[in-house]
Protein backbone atom coordinates (compact mmCIF):
# COMPACT_ATOMS: atom_id res chain seq x y z
CA MET A 1 -19.44 62.03 66.39
CA GLU A 2 -18.12 58.68 67.52
CA ASN A 3 -14.55 57.69 66.71
CA PHE A 4 -14.07 55.22 63.87
CA VAL A 5 -11.54 53.96 61.35
CA TYR A 6 -12.26 54.05 57.64
CA GLU A 7 -10.11 52.09 55.21
CA TYR A 8 -10.61 51.82 51.47
CA PRO A 9 -7.90 49.61 49.97
CA THR A 10 -7.70 49.50 46.19
CA LYS A 11 -6.06 47.03 43.83
CA VAL A 12 -5.94 47.63 40.10
CA TYR A 13 -5.18 44.75 37.73
CA PHE A 14 -4.03 45.62 34.23
CA GLY A 15 -3.67 43.54 31.10
CA LYS A 16 -5.64 41.39 28.74
CA GLY A 17 -7.70 38.84 30.64
CA ALA A 18 -6.75 40.34 34.03
CA ALA A 19 -10.35 40.66 35.21
CA ARG A 20 -11.17 37.02 34.52
CA GLN A 21 -7.91 35.74 35.96
CA HIS A 22 -7.85 37.74 39.19
CA LEU A 23 -11.51 38.39 39.97
CA SER A 24 -12.41 34.72 39.77
CA ASN A 25 -9.64 33.92 42.27
CA ILE A 26 -10.76 36.36 44.97
CA LEU A 27 -14.56 36.06 44.79
CA SER A 28 -14.75 33.02 47.05
CA ALA A 29 -13.54 35.15 49.97
CA TYR A 30 -16.72 37.26 49.86
CA GLY A 31 -20.47 36.78 50.24
CA SER A 32 -22.97 35.89 47.56
CA ASN A 33 -24.30 39.41 46.87
CA VAL A 34 -22.44 42.00 44.81
CA LEU A 35 -23.34 45.65 44.29
CA LEU A 36 -22.19 46.71 40.82
CA ALA A 37 -22.01 50.52 40.95
CA TYR A 38 -21.32 52.60 37.86
CA GLY A 39 -22.11 55.91 36.19
CA GLY A 40 -23.33 56.21 32.64
CA GLY A 41 -23.64 53.58 29.99
CA SER A 42 -20.04 53.54 28.74
CA ILE A 43 -19.21 50.28 30.52
CA LYS A 44 -22.07 48.65 28.65
CA LYS A 45 -20.95 50.10 25.32
CA ASN A 46 -17.34 48.98 25.68
CA GLY A 47 -18.11 45.47 26.96
CA VAL A 48 -16.74 45.83 30.49
CA TYR A 49 -20.18 45.38 32.07
CA ASP A 50 -20.88 42.11 30.25
CA GLU A 51 -17.43 40.75 31.12
CA ILE A 52 -17.65 41.57 34.84
CA ASP A 53 -21.32 40.55 35.13
CA GLY A 54 -20.51 37.23 33.47
CA ILE A 55 -17.58 36.52 35.80
CA LEU A 56 -19.68 37.34 38.85
CA LYS A 57 -22.57 35.14 37.77
CA GLU A 58 -20.25 32.26 36.80
CA ASN A 59 -19.00 32.39 40.38
CA GLY A 60 -22.50 32.18 41.84
CA LYS A 61 -22.89 35.83 42.78
CA THR A 62 -26.20 37.70 42.81
CA VAL A 63 -25.63 41.07 41.14
CA THR A 64 -27.54 44.21 42.09
CA GLU A 65 -26.98 47.28 39.90
CA PHE A 66 -26.60 50.84 41.17
CA THR A 67 -26.36 52.97 38.06
CA GLY A 68 -26.37 56.65 37.18
CA ILE A 69 -23.69 57.69 39.64
CA MET A 70 -22.47 61.19 38.87
C-alpha cells in the first residue's frame, strides 16, 4: 500500500435557520456538483431534504442523490 494522508474535517451548525445561513455562505468555495448521500427516507419526512436541496439549487448546484446507505 502506498502512503497517504486522509483527513475528514467536520463542522456542525446548530440552531434555527443555521443551514440556510451557513451553507449558502460556503458553497461558492466548491464546484457545481454535489453528492447528497443519505440513508432511509426520514430526511424527506422531516423536511431536511427539501431544505438542503433547495439551498443547493438556489446556489446553482447540480444535486446527485445517493440514497439507501445503511
